[in-house]
Amino acid sequence: IGVLGRLYGLTSDQLTGADVVLASGERLSVDENHDADLFWALRGGGGG
């Protein structure tokens, strides 16, 4: 949340993709079309 949230949404609402290191050590690039469930979870599922 932040001072421009009412205008543009949450910071996570503006997220289009991410590079992630999994607990296995595997590295993934995720977005709505690649590992979509993980991308969904990164948008508000909490850090760590």
PDB file of all heavy atoms in Angstrom:
ATOM      1  N   ILE A   1       0.851  -1.188   0.000  1.00  0.00           N
ATOM      2  CA  ILE A   1       0.000   0.000   0.000  1.00  0.00           C
ATOM      3  C   ILE A   1       0.889   1.241   0.000  1.00  0.00           C
ATOM      4  O   ILE A   1       2.065   1.186   0.346  1.00  0.00           O
ATOM      5  CB  ILE A   1      -0.965   0.029   1.194  1.00  0.00           C
ATOM      6  CG1 ILE A   1      -0.195   0.052   2.518  1.00  0.00           C
ATOM      7  CG2 ILE A   1      -1.912  -1.156   1.139  1.00  0.00           C
ATOM      8  CD1 ILE A   1      -1.082   0.301   3.729  1.00  0.00           C
ATOM      9  N   GLY A   2       0.324   2.369  -0.408  1.00  0.00           N
ATOM     10  CA  GLY A   2       1.098   3.603  -0.458  1.00  0.00           C
ATOM     11  C   GLY A   2       0.243   4.757  -0.921  1.00  0.00           C
ATOM     12  O   GLY A   2      -0.960   4.620  -1.165  1.00  0.00           O
ATOM     13  N   VAL A   3       0.876   5.912  -1.074  1.00  0.00           N
ATOM     14  CA  VAL A   3       0.136   7.141  -1.323  1.00  0.00           C
ATOM     15  C   VAL A   3      -0.485   7.202  -2.720  1.00  0.00           C
ATOM     16  O   VAL A   3      -1.374   8.020  -2.961  1.00  0.00           O
ATOM     17  CB  VAL A   3       1.035   8.368  -1.080  1.00  0.00           C
ATOM     18  CG1 VAL A   3       1.562   8.370   0.343  1.00  0.00           C
ATOM     19  CG2 VAL A   3       2.193   8.432  -2.069  1.00  0.00           C
ATOM     20  N   LEU A   4      -0.041   6.362  -3.645  1.00  0.00           N
ATOM     21  CA  LEU A   4      -0.638   6.323  -4.987  1.00  0.00           C
ATOM     22  C   LEU A   4      -1.456   5.055  -5.217  1.00  0.00           C
ATOM     23  O   LEU A   4      -1.843   4.750  -6.339  1.00  0.00           O
ATOM     24  CB  LEU A   4       0.459   6.428  -6.056  1.00  0.00           C
ATOM     25  CG  LEU A   4       1.264   7.729  -6.056  1.00  0.00           C
ATOM     26  CD1 LEU A   4       2.344   7.681  -7.130  1.00  0.00           C
ATOM     27  CD2 LEU A   4       0.353   8.937  -6.265  1.00  0.00           C
ATOM     28  N   GLY A   5      -1.727   4.335  -4.132  1.00  0.00           N
ATOM     29  CA  GLY A   5      -2.447   3.073  -4.257  1.00  0.00           C
ATOM     30  C   GLY A   5      -3.867   3.220  -4.763  1.00  0.00           C
ATOM     31  O   GLY A   5      -4.355   2.376  -5.526  1.00  0.00           O
ATOM     32  N   ARG A   6      -4.551   4.278  -4.365  1.00  0.00           N
ATOM     33  CA  ARG A   6      -5.920   4.463  -4.850  1.00  0.00           C
ATOM     34  C   ARG A   6      -5.938   4.736  -6.352  1.00  0.00           C
ATOM     35  O   ARG A   6      -6.907   4.412  -7.030  1.00  0.00           O
ATOM     36  CB  ARG A   6      -6.586   5.626  -4.098  1.00  0.00           C
ATOM     37  CG  ARG A   6      -6.949   5.298  -2.655  1.00  0.00           C
ATOM     38  CD  ARG A   6      -7.581   6.500  -1.955  1.00  0.00           C
ATOM     39  NE  ARG A   6      -8.591   7.145  -2.773  1.00  0.00           N
ATOM     40  CZ  ARG A   6      -9.852   6.732  -2.915  1.00  0.00           C
ATOM     41  NH1 ARG A   6     -10.263   5.647  -2.258  1.00  0.00           N
ATOM     42  NH2 ARG A   6     -10.698   7.380  -3.688  1.00  0.00           N
ATOM     43  N   LEU A   7      -4.860   5.305  -6.866  1.00  0.00           N
ATOM     44  CA  LEU A   7      -4.800   5.635  -8.291  1.00  0.00           C
ATOM     45  C   LEU A   7      -4.334   4.453  -9.129  1.00  0.00           C
ATOM     46  O   LEU A   7      -4.937   4.140 -10.169  1.00  0.00           O
ATOM     47  CB  LEU A   7      -3.857   6.822  -8.499  1.00  0.00           C
ATOM     48  CG  LEU A   7      -3.657   7.299  -9.935  1.00  0.00           C
ATOM     49  CD1 LEU A   7      -4.974   7.724 -10.565  1.00  0.00           C
ATOM     50  CD2 LEU A   7      -2.652   8.446  -9.965  1.00  0.00           C
ATOM     51  N   TYR A   8      -3.277   3.761  -8.692  1.00  0.00           N
ATOM     52  CA  TYR A   8      -2.661   2.711  -9.503  1.00  0.00           C
ATOM     53  C   TYR A   8      -2.815   1.306  -8.919  1.00  0.00           C
ATOM     54  O   TYR A   8      -2.444   0.336  -9.582  1.00  0.00           O
ATOM     55  CB  TYR A   8      -1.166   2.996  -9.674  1.00  0.00           C
ATOM     56  CG  TYR A   8      -0.845   4.267 -10.414  1.00  0.00           C
ATOM     57  CD1 TYR A   8       0.082   5.179  -9.892  1.00  0.00           C
ATOM     58  CD2 TYR A   8      -1.457   4.568 -11.619  1.00  0.00           C
ATOM     59  CE1 TYR A   8       0.395   6.345 -10.582  1.00  0.00           C
ATOM     60  CE2 TYR A   8      -1.155   5.740 -12.304  1.00  0.00           C
ATOM     61  CZ  TYR A   8      -0.233   6.627 -11.778  1.00  0.00           C
ATOM     62  OH  TYR A   8       0.070   7.776 -12.460  1.00  0.00           O
ATOM     63  N   GLY A   9      -3.313   1.183  -7.716  1.00  0.00           N
ATOM     64  CA  GLY A   9      -3.414  -0.117  -7.069  1.00  0.00           C
ATOM     65  C   GLY A   9      -2.204  -0.394  -6.198  1.00  0.00           C
ATOM     66  O   GLY A   9      -1.340   0.457  -5.975  1.00  0.00           O
ATOM     67  N   LEU A  10      -2.152  -1.598  -5.678  1.00  0.00           N
ATOM     68  CA  LEU A  10      -1.031  -2.027  -4.859  1.00  0.00           C
ATOM     69  C   LEU A  10       0.250  -2.095  -5.687  1.00  0.00           C
ATOM     70  O   LEU A  10       0.204  -2.211  -6.912  1.00  0.00           O
ATOM     71  CB  LEU A  10      -1.313  -3.416  -4.276  1.00  0.00           C
ATOM     72  CG  LEU A  10      -2.586  -3.598  -3.458  1.00  0.00           C
ATOM     73  CD1 LEU A  10      -2.825  -5.080  -3.214  1.00  0.00           C
ATOM     74  CD2 LEU A  10      -2.503  -2.843  -2.152  1.00  0.00           C
ATOM     75  N   THR A  11       1.383  -2.094  -5.017  1.00  0.00           N
ATOM     76  CA  THR A  11       2.645  -2.315  -5.725  1.00  0.00           C
ATOM     77  C   THR A  11       2.598  -3.651  -6.460  1.00  0.00           C
ATOM     78  O   THR A  11       3.030  -3.764  -7.611  1.00  0.00           O
ATOM     79  CB  THR A  11       3.825  -2.299  -4.739  1.00  0.00           C
ATOM     80  OG1 THR A  11       3.750  -1.114  -3.939  1.00  0.00           O
ATOM     81  CG2 THR A  11       5.148  -2.323  -5.480  1.00  0.00           C
ATOM     82  N   SER A  12       2.048  -4.673  -5.817  1.00  0.00           N
ATOM     83  CA  SER A  12       1.972  -6.002  -6.435  1.00  0.00           C
ATOM     84  C   SER A  12       1.004  -6.036  -7.617  1.00  0.00           C
ATOM     85  O   SER A  12       1.147  -6.891  -8.501  1.00  0.00           O
ATOM     86  CB  SER A  12       1.556  -7.043  -5.396  1.00  0.00           C
ATOM     87  OG  SER A  12       0.324  -6.701  -4.786  1.00  0.00           O
ATOM     88  N   ASP A  13       0.047  -5.123  -7.670  1.00  0.00           N
ATOM     89  CA  ASP A  13      -0.864  -5.069  -8.820  1.00  0.00           C
ATOM     90  C   ASP A  13      -0.141  -4.624 -10.079  1.00  0.00           C
ATOM     91  O   ASP A  13      -0.596  -4.893 -11.198  1.00  0.00           O
ATOM     92  CB  ASP A  13      -2.020  -4.111  -8.533  1.00  0.00           C
ATOM     93  CG  ASP A  13      -2.972  -4.631  -7.476  1.00  0.00           C
ATOM     94  OD1 ASP A  13      -2.993  -5.856  -7.245  1.00  0.00           O
ATOM     95  OD2 ASP A  13      -3.680  -3.808  -6.870  1.00  0.00           O
ATOM     96  N   GLN A  14       0.972  -3.918  -9.919  1.00  0.00           N
ATOM     97  CA  GLN A  14       1.731  -3.429 -11.070  1.00  0.00           C
ATOM     98  C   GLN A  14       2.806  -4.419 -11.515  1.00  0.00           C
ATOM     99  O   GLN A  14       3.502  -4.181 -12.507  1.00  0.00           O
ATOM    100  CB  GLN A  14       2.392  -2.090 -10.701  1.00  0.00           C
ATOM    101  CG  GLN A  14       1.371  -1.010 -10.328  1.00  0.00           C
ATOM    102  CD  GLN A  14       1.968   0.041  -9.416  1.00  0.00           C
ATOM    103  OE1 GLN A  14       2.488   1.057  -9.885  1.00  0.00           O
ATOM    104  NE2 GLN A  14       1.918  -0.196  -8.114  1.00  0.00           N
ATOM    105  N   LEU A  15       2.930  -5.534 -10.781  1.00  0.00           N
ATOM    106  CA  LEU A  15       3.947  -6.536 -11.098  1.00  0.00           C
ATOM    107  C   LEU A  15       3.557  -7.321 -12.346  1.00  0.00           C
ATOM    108  O   LEU A  15       2.446  -7.842 -12.444  1.00  0.00           O
ATOM    109  CB  LEU A  15       4.113  -7.482  -9.909  1.00  0.00           C
ATOM    110  CG  LEU A  15       5.281  -8.471  -9.974  1.00  0.00           C
ATOM    111  CD1 LEU A  15       6.607  -7.738  -9.886  1.00  0.00           C
ATOM    112  CD2 LEU A  15       5.162  -9.502  -8.845  1.00  0.00           C
ATOM    113  N   THR A  16       4.480  -7.435 -13.308  1.00  0.00           N
ATOM    114  CA  THR A  16       4.217  -8.198 -14.531  1.00  0.00           C
ATOM    115  C   THR A  16       5.046  -9.473 -14.623  1.00  0.00           C
ATOM    116  O   THR A  16       4.768 -10.324 -15.460  1.00  0.00           O
ATOM    117  CB  THR A  16       4.497  -7.339 -15.775  1.00  0.00           C
ATOM    118  OG1 THR A  16       5.893  -6.993 -15.807  1.00  0.00           O
ATOM    119  CG2 THR A  16       3.654  -6.068 -15.766  1.00  0.00           C
ATOM    120  N   GLY A  17       6.067  -9.591 -13.779  1.00  0.00           N
ATOM    121  CA  GLY A  17       6.907 -10.787 -13.815  1.00  0.00           C
ATOM    122  C   GLY A  17       7.973 -10.708 -12.743  1.00  0.00           C
ATOM    123  O   GLY A  17       8.203  -9.649 -12.149  1.00  0.00           O
ATOM    124  N   ALA A  18       8.635 -11.838 -12.498  1.00  0.00           N
ATOM    125  CA  ALA A  18       9.674 -11.875 -11.469  1.00  0.00           C
ATOM    126  C   ALA A  18      10.625 -13.031 -11.729  1.00  0.00           C
ATOM    127  O   ALA A  18      10.256 -14.032 -12.350  1.00  0.00           O
ATOM    128  CB  ALA A  18       9.046 -12.018 -10.079  1.00  0.00           C
ATOM    129  N   ASP A  19      11.856 -12.873 -11.248  1.00  0.00           N
ATOM    130  CA  ASP A  19      12.846 -13.952 -11.247  1.00  0.00           C
ATOM    131  C   ASP A  19      12.966 -14.460  -9.817  1.00  0.00           C
ATOM    132  O   ASP A  19      13.174 -13.663  -8.886  1.00  0.00           O
ATOM    133  CB  ASP A  19      14.203 -13.455 -11.733  1.00  0.00           C
ATOM    134  CG  ASP A  19      14.165 -12.983 -13.184  1.00  0.00           C
ATOM    135  OD1 ASP A  19      13.245 -13.401 -13.923  1.00  0.00           O
ATOM    136  OD2 ASP A  19      15.049 -12.189 -13.565  1.00  0.00           O
ATOM    137  N   VAL A  20      12.845 -15.768  -9.643  1.00  0.00           N
ATOM    138  CA  VAL A  20      12.713 -16.360  -8.314  1.00  0.00           C
ATOM    139  C   VAL A  20      13.685 -17.521  -8.152  1.00  0.00           C
ATOM    140  O   VAL A  20      13.867 -18.327  -9.075  1.00  0.00           O
ATOM    141  CB  VAL A  20      11.271 -16.882  -8.077  1.00  0.00           C
ATOM    142  CG1 VAL A  20      11.073 -17.282  -6.620  1.00  0.00           C
ATOM    143  CG2 VAL A  20      10.239 -15.856  -8.507  1.00  0.00           C
ATOM    144  N   VAL A  21      14.286 -17.619  -6.974  1.00  0.00           N
ATOM    145  CA  VAL A  21      15.045 -18.804  -6.597  1.00  0.00           C
ATOM    146  C   VAL A  21      14.171 -19.618  -5.654  1.00  0.00           C
ATOM    147  O   VAL A  21      13.713 -19.113  -4.626  1.00  0.00           O
ATOM    148  CB  VAL A  21      16.374 -18.437  -5.906  1.00  0.00           C
ATOM    149  CG1 VAL A  21      17.093 -19.699  -5.433  1.00  0.00           C
ATOM    150  CG2 VAL A  21      17.259 -17.638  -6.848  1.00  0.00           C
ATOM    151  N   LEU A  22      13.919 -20.867  -6.018  1.00  0.00           N
ATOM    152  CA  LEU A  22      13.069 -21.738  -5.215  1.00  0.00           C
ATOM    153  C   LEU A  22      13.856 -22.379  -4.076  1.00  0.00           C
ATOM    154  O   LEU A  22      15.086 -22.297  -4.012  1.00  0.00           O
ATOM    155  CB  LEU A  22      12.463 -22.826  -6.091  1.00  0.00           C
ATOM    156  CG  LEU A  22      11.628 -22.385  -7.286  1.00  0.00           C
ATOM    157  CD1 LEU A  22      11.085 -23.608  -8.018  1.00  0.00           C
ATOM    158  CD2 LEU A  22      10.490 -21.464  -6.856  1.00  0.00           C
ATOM    159  N   ALA A  23      13.144 -23.037  -3.181  1.00  0.00           N
ATOM    160  CA  ALA A  23      13.779 -23.726  -2.067  1.00  0.00           C
ATOM    161  C   ALA A  23      14.693 -24.849  -2.534  1.00  0.00           C
ATOM    162  O   ALA A  23      15.594 -25.264  -1.802  1.00  0.00           O
ATOM    163  CB  ALA A  23      12.703 -24.276  -1.129  1.00  0.00           C
ATOM    164  N   SER A  24      14.496 -25.341  -3.738  1.00  0.00           N
ATOM    165  CA  SER A  24      15.359 -26.378  -4.311  1.00  0.00           C
ATOM    166  C   SER A  24      16.666 -25.819  -4.864  1.00  0.00           C
ATOM    167  O   SER A  24      17.581 -26.567  -5.200  1.00  0.00           O
ATOM    168  CB  SER A  24      14.619 -27.088  -5.445  1.00  0.00           C
ATOM    169  OG  SER A  24      14.328 -26.160  -6.496  1.00  0.00           O
ATOM    170  N   GLY A  25      16.746 -24.488  -4.994  1.00  0.00           N
ATOM    171  CA  GLY A  25      17.868 -23.845  -5.660  1.00  0.00           C
ATOM    172  C   GLY A  25      17.608 -23.580  -7.126  1.00  0.00           C
ATOM    173  O   GLY A  25      18.410 -22.929  -7.796  1.00  0.00           O
ATOM    174  N   GLU A  26      16.489 -24.076  -7.648  1.00  0.00           N
ATOM    175  CA  GLU A  26      16.135 -23.839  -9.052  1.00  0.00           C
ATOM    176  C   GLU A  26      15.771 -22.375  -9.251  1.00  0.00           C
ATOM    177  O   GLU A  26      15.163 -21.738  -8.384  1.00  0.00           O
ATOM    178  CB  GLU A  26      14.943 -24.723  -9.432  1.00  0.00           C
ATOM    179  CG  GLU A  26      14.492 -24.582 -10.881  1.00  0.00           C
ATOM    180  CD  GLU A  26      13.257 -25.424 -11.190  1.00  0.00           C
ATOM    181  OE1 GLU A  26      12.747 -26.096 -10.266  1.00  0.00           O
ATOM    182  OE2 GLU A  26      12.810 -25.393 -12.342  1.00  0.00           O
ATOM    183  N   ARG A  27      16.111 -21.834 -10.415  1.00  0.00           N
ATOM    184  CA  ARG A  27      15.812 -20.448 -10.749  1.00  0.00           C
ATOM    185  C   ARG A  27      14.747 -20.394 -11.845  1.00  0.00           C
ATOM    186  O   ARG A  27      14.876 -21.049 -12.870  1.00  0.00           O
ATOM    187  CB  ARG A  27      17.085 -19.730 -11.187  1.00  0.00           C
ATOM    188  CG  ARG A  27      18.078 -19.560 -10.049  1.00  0.00           C
ATOM    189  CD  ARG A  27      19.513 -19.424 -10.515  1.00  0.00           C
ATOM    190  NE  ARG A  27      19.708 -18.280 -11.398  1.00  0.00           N
ATOM    191  CZ  ARG A  27      20.866 -17.975 -11.977  1.00  0.00           C
ATOM    192  NH1 ARG A  27      21.929 -18.755 -11.771  1.00  0.00           N
ATOM    193  NH2 ARG A  27      20.965 -16.924 -12.765  1.00  0.00           N
ATOM    194  N   LEU A  28      13.708 -19.601 -11.604  1.00  0.00           N
ATOM    195  CA  LEU A  28      12.591 -19.490 -12.537  1.00  0.00           C
ATOM    196  C   LEU A  28      12.318 -18.035 -12.874  1.00  0.00           C
ATOM    197  O   LEU A  28      12.526 -17.143 -12.050  1.00  0.00           O
ATOM    198  CB  LEU A  28      11.309 -20.074 -11.920  1.00  0.00           C
ATOM    199  CG  LEU A  28      11.250 -21.559 -11.582  1.00  0.00           C
ATOM    200  CD1 LEU A  28       9.893 -21.889 -10.960  1.00  0.00           C
ATOM    201  CD2 LEU A  28      11.489 -22.399 -12.815  1.00  0.00           C
ATOM    202  N   SER A  29      11.813 -17.797 -14.086  1.00  0.00           N
ATOM    203  CA  SER A  29      11.213 -16.519 -14.460  1.00  0.00           C
ATOM    204  C   SER A  29       9.720 -16.751 -14.592  1.00  0.00           C
ATOM    205  O   SER A  29       9.296 -17.621 -15.374  1.00  0.00           O
ATOM    206  CB  SER A  29      11.797 -16.000 -15.780  1.00  0.00           C
ATOM    207  OG  SER A  29      13.136 -15.584 -15.614  1.00  0.00           O
ATOM    208  N   VAL A  30       8.934 -16.015 -13.834  1.00  0.00           N
ATOM    209  CA  VAL A  30       7.498 -16.281 -13.771  1.00  0.00           C
ATOM    210  C   VAL A  30       6.719 -15.048 -14.206  1.00  0.00           C
ATOM    211  O   VAL A  30       7.157 -13.909 -14.054  1.00  0.00           O
ATOM    212  CB  VAL A  30       7.077 -16.697 -12.346  1.00  0.00           C
ATOM    213  CG1 VAL A  30       7.869 -17.908 -11.883  1.00  0.00           C
ATOM    214  CG2 VAL A  30       7.241 -15.559 -11.345  1.00  0.00           C
ATOM    215  N   ASP A  31       5.533 -15.311 -14.755  1.00  0.00           N
ATOM    216  CA  ASP A  31       4.575 -14.267 -15.084  1.00  0.00           C
ATOM    217  C   ASP A  31       3.215 -14.931 -15.240  1.00  0.00           C
ATOM    218  O   ASP A  31       3.034 -16.091 -14.839  1.00  0.00           O
ATOM    219  CB  ASP A  31       4.991 -13.487 -16.339  1.00  0.00           C
ATOM    220  CG  ASP A  31       5.213 -14.377 -17.566  1.00  0.00           C
ATOM    221  OD1 ASP A  31       4.531 -15.427 -17.691  1.00  0.00           O
ATOM    222  OD2 ASP A  31       6.069 -14.020 -18.411  1.00  0.00           O
ATOM    223  N   GLU A  32       2.269 -14.249 -15.822  1.00  0.00           N
ATOM    224  CA  GLU A  32       0.916 -14.807 -15.941  1.00  0.00           C
ATOM    225  C   GLU A  32       0.874 -16.064 -16.804  1.00  0.00           C
ATOM    226  O   GLU A  32      -0.059 -16.859 -16.689  1.00  0.00           O
ATOM    227  CB  GLU A  32      -0.031 -13.753 -16.511  1.00  0.00           C
ATOM    228  CG  GLU A  32      -0.345 -12.627 -15.536  1.00  0.00           C
ATOM    229  CD  GLU A  32      -1.347 -11.635 -16.104  1.00  0.00           C
ATOM    230  OE1 GLU A  32      -1.489 -11.601 -17.356  1.00  0.00           O
ATOM    231  OE2 GLU A  32      -1.982 -10.907 -15.322  1.00  0.00           O
ATOM    232  N   ASN A  33       1.877 -16.259 -17.660  1.00  0.00           N
ATOM    233  CA  ASN A  33       1.883 -17.400 -18.568  1.00  0.00           C
ATOM    234  C   ASN A  33       2.922 -18.460 -18.225  1.00  0.00           C
ATOM    235  O   ASN A  33       2.995 -19.489 -18.895  1.00  0.00           O
ATOM    236  CB  ASN A  33       2.116 -16.907 -20.003  1.00  0.00           C
ATOM    237  CG  ASN A  33       1.043 -15.942 -20.465  1.00  0.00           C
ATOM    238  OD1 ASN A  33      -0.151 -16.204 -20.300  1.00  0.00           O
ATOM    239  ND2 ASN A  33       1.462 -14.810 -21.009  1.00  0.00           N
ATOM    240  N   HIS A  34       3.729 -18.212 -17.222  1.00  0.00           N
ATOM    241  CA  HIS A  34       4.779 -19.146 -16.836  1.00  0.00           C
ATOM    242  C   HIS A  34       4.757 -19.301 -15.317  1.00  0.00           C
ATOM    243  O   HIS A  34       4.978 -18.325 -14.598  1.00  0.00           O
ATOM    244  CB  HIS A  34       6.152 -18.643 -17.305  1.00  0.00           C
ATOM    245  CG  HIS A  34       6.238 -18.416 -18.778  1.00  0.00           C
ATOM    246  ND1 HIS A  34       5.899 -17.207 -19.353  1.00  0.00           N
ATOM    247  CD2 HIS A  34       6.603 -19.247 -19.798  1.00  0.00           C
ATOM    248  CE1 HIS A  34       6.063 -17.288 -20.660  1.00  0.00           C
ATOM    249  NE2 HIS A  34       6.477 -18.506 -20.965  1.00  0.00           N
ATOM    250  N   ASP A  35       4.478 -20.531 -14.861  1.00  0.00           N
ATOM    251  CA  ASP A  35       4.313 -20.773 -13.423  1.00  0.00           C
ATOM    252  C   ASP A  35       3.338 -19.754 -12.843  1.00  0.00           C
ATOM    253  O   ASP A  35       3.625 -19.040 -11.881  1.00  0.00           O
ATOM    254  CB  ASP A  35       5.655 -20.735 -12.704  1.00  0.00           C
ATOM    255  CG  ASP A  35       6.538 -21.918 -13.071  1.00  0.00           C
ATOM    256  OD1 ASP A  35       6.402 -22.969 -12.425  1.00  0.00           O
ATOM    257  OD2 ASP A  35       7.322 -21.794 -14.036  1.00  0.00           O
ATOM    258  N   ALA A  36       2.158 -19.741 -13.452  1.00  0.00           N
ATOM    259  CA  ALA A  36       1.172 -18.712 -13.122  1.00  0.00           C
ATOM    260  C   ALA A  36       0.736 -18.767 -11.658  1.00  0.00           C
ATOM    261  O   ALA A  36       0.440 -17.728 -11.051  1.00  0.00           O
ATOM    262  CB  ALA A  36      -0.040 -18.841 -14.039  1.00  0.00           C
ATOM    263  N   ASP A  37       0.663 -19.974 -11.072  1.00  0.00           N
ATOM    264  CA  ASP A  37       0.272 -20.071  -9.664  1.00  0.00           C
ATOM    265  C   ASP A  37       1.313 -19.422  -8.758  1.00  0.00           C
ATOM    266  O   ASP A  37       0.964 -18.763  -7.770  1.00  0.00           O
ATOM    267  CB  ASP A  37       0.090 -21.533  -9.256  1.00  0.00           C
ATOM    268  CG  ASP A  37      -1.277 -22.074  -9.630  1.00  0.00           C
ATOM    269  OD1 ASP A  37      -2.158 -21.254  -9.968  1.00  0.00           O
ATOM    270  OD2 ASP A  37      -1.466 -23.297  -9.576  1.00  0.00           O
ATOM    271  N   LEU A  38       2.583 -19.621  -9.079  1.00  0.00           N
ATOM    272  CA  LEU A  38       3.639 -18.991  -8.291  1.00  0.00           C
ATOM    273  C   LEU A  38       3.584 -17.474  -8.455  1.00  0.00           C
ATOM    274  O   LEU A  38       3.724 -16.727  -7.470  1.00  0.00           O
ATOM    275  CB  LEU A  38       5.003 -19.542  -8.707  1.00  0.00           C
ATOM    276  CG  LEU A  38       6.230 -18.952  -7.991  1.00  0.00           C
ATOM    277  CD1 LEU A  38       6.119 -19.113  -6.478  1.00  0.00           C
ATOM    278  CD2 LEU A  38       7.512 -19.611  -8.507  1.00  0.00           C
ATOM    279  N   PHE A  39       3.379 -17.013  -9.671  1.00  0.00           N
ATOM    280  CA  PHE A  39       3.261 -15.576  -9.918  1.00  0.00           C
ATOM    281  C   PHE A  39       2.090 -15.008  -9.126  1.00  0.00           C
ATOM    282  O   PHE A  39       2.201 -13.941  -8.501  1.00  0.00           O
ATOM    283  CB  PHE A  39       3.076 -15.314 -11.411  1.00  0.00           C
ATOM    284  CG  PHE A  39       2.923 -13.860 -11.768  1.00  0.00           C
ATOM    285  CD1 PHE A  39       3.938 -12.959 -11.529  1.00  0.00           C
ATOM    286  CD2 PHE A  39       1.750 -13.405 -12.361  1.00  0.00           C
ATOM    287  CE1 PHE A  39       3.800 -11.613 -11.857  1.00  0.00           C
ATOM    288  CE2 PHE A  39       1.605 -12.068 -12.696  1.00  0.00           C
ATOM    289  CZ  PHE A  39       2.626 -11.171 -12.445  1.00  0.00           C
ATOM    290  N   TRP A  40       0.971 -15.716  -9.109  1.00  0.00           N
ATOM    291  CA  TRP A  40      -0.195 -15.297  -8.315  1.00  0.00           C
ATOM    292  C   TRP A  40       0.177 -15.159  -6.842  1.00  0.00           C
ATOM    293  O   TRP A  40      -0.172 -14.173  -6.189  1.00  0.00           O
ATOM    294  CB  TRP A  40      -1.314 -16.323  -8.503  1.00  0.00           C
ATOM    295  CG  TRP A  40      -2.535 -16.092  -7.663  1.00  0.00           C
ATOM    296  CD1 TRP A  40      -3.624 -15.335  -7.988  1.00  0.00           C
ATOM    297  CD2 TRP A  40      -2.803 -16.646  -6.371  1.00  0.00           C
ATOM    298  NE1 TRP A  40      -4.549 -15.375  -6.973  1.00  0.00           N
ATOM    299  CE2 TRP A  40      -4.069 -16.181  -5.971  1.00  0.00           C
ATOM    300  CE3 TRP A  40      -2.101 -17.501  -5.513  1.00  0.00           C
ATOM    301  CZ2 TRP A  40      -4.647 -16.520  -4.743  1.00  0.00           C
ATOM    302  CZ3 TRP A  40      -2.664 -17.839  -4.290  1.00  0.00           C
ATOM    303  CH2 TRP A  40      -3.925 -17.359  -3.913  1.00  0.00           C
ATOM    304  N   ALA A  41       0.905 -16.131  -6.313  1.00  0.00           N
ATOM    305  CA  ALA A  41       1.265 -16.124  -4.894  1.00  0.00           C
ATOM    306  C   ALA A  41       2.224 -14.995  -4.550  1.00  0.00           C
ATOM    307  O   ALA A  41       2.198 -14.463  -3.428  1.00  0.00           O
ATOM    308  CB  ALA A  41       1.877 -17.466  -4.504  1.00  0.00           C
ATOM    309  N   LEU A  42       3.092 -14.607  -5.496  1.00  0.00           N
ATOM    310  CA  LEU A  42       4.037 -13.526  -5.242  1.00  0.00           C
ATOM    311  C   LEU A  42       3.354 -12.169  -5.147  1.00  0.00           C
ATOM    312  O   LEU A  42       3.939 -11.215  -4.637  1.00  0.00           O
ATOM    313  CB  LEU A  42       5.093 -13.472  -6.352  1.00  0.00           C
ATOM    314  CG  LEU A  42       6.036 -14.669  -6.473  1.00  0.00           C
ATOM    315  CD1 LEU A  42       6.963 -14.492  -7.667  1.00  0.00           C
ATOM    316  CD2 LEU A  42       6.837 -14.880  -5.192  1.00  0.00           C
ATOM    317  N   ARG A  43       2.131 -12.085  -5.583  1.00  0.00           N
ATOM    318  CA  ARG A  43       1.401 -10.810  -5.582  1.00  0.00           C
ATOM    319  C   ARG A  43       0.505 -10.743  -4.344  1.00  0.00           C
ATOM    320  O   ARG A  43      -0.710 -10.792  -4.430  1.00  0.00           O
ATOM    321  CB  ARG A  43       0.594 -10.658  -6.861  1.00  0.00           C
ATOM    322  CG  ARG A  43       1.473 -10.689  -8.108  1.00  0.00           C
ATOM    323  CD  ARG A  43       0.646 -10.715  -9.384  1.00  0.00           C
ATOM    324  NE  ARG A  43       0.082  -9.401  -9.693  1.00  0.00           N
ATOM    325  CZ  ARG A  43      -0.817  -9.180 -10.633  1.00  0.00           C
ATOM    326  NH1 ARG A  43      -1.278 -10.206 -11.367  1.00  0.00           N
ATOM    327  NH2 ARG A  43      -1.270  -7.977 -10.864  1.00  0.00           N
ATOM    328  N   GLY A  44       1.150 -10.652  -3.173  1.00  0.00           N
ATOM    329  CA  GLY A  44       0.405 -10.469  -1.931  1.00  0.00           C
ATOM    330  C   GLY A  44       0.439 -11.641  -0.988  1.00  0.00           C
ATOM    331  O   GLY A  44      -0.184 -11.583   0.080  1.00  0.00           O
ATOM    332  N   GLY A  45       1.166 -12.713  -1.336  1.00  0.00           N
ATOM    333  CA  GLY A  45       1.218 -13.893  -0.482  1.00  0.00           C
ATOM    334  C   GLY A  45       2.209 -13.795   0.658  1.00  0.00           C
ATOM    335  O   GLY A  45       2.370 -14.752   1.423  1.00  0.00           O
ATOM    336  N   GLY A  46       2.877 -12.651   0.797  1.00  0.00           N
ATOM    337  CA  GLY A  46       3.787 -12.450   1.917  1.00  0.00           C
ATOM    338  C   GLY A  46       5.224 -12.783   1.579  1.00  0.00           C
ATOM    339  O   GLY A  46       5.505 -13.694   0.804  1.00  0.00           O
ATOM    340  N   GLY A  47       6.160 -12.053   2.153  1.00  0.00           N
ATOM    341  CA  GLY A  47       7.574 -12.250   1.889  1.00  0.00           C
ATOM    342  C   GLY A  47       8.115 -13.512   2.525  1.00  0.00           C
ATOM    343  O   GLY A  47       7.680 -13.927   3.598  1.00  0.00           O
ATOM    344  N   GLY A  48       9.086 -14.138   1.836  1.00  0.00           N
ATOM    345  CA  GLY A  48       9.795 -15.276   2.398  1.00  0.00           C
ATOM    346  C   GLY A  48       9.029 -16.569   2.432  1.00  0.00           C
ATOM    347  O   GLY A  48       9.434 -17.513   3.123  1.00  0.00           O
TER     348      GLY A  48
END
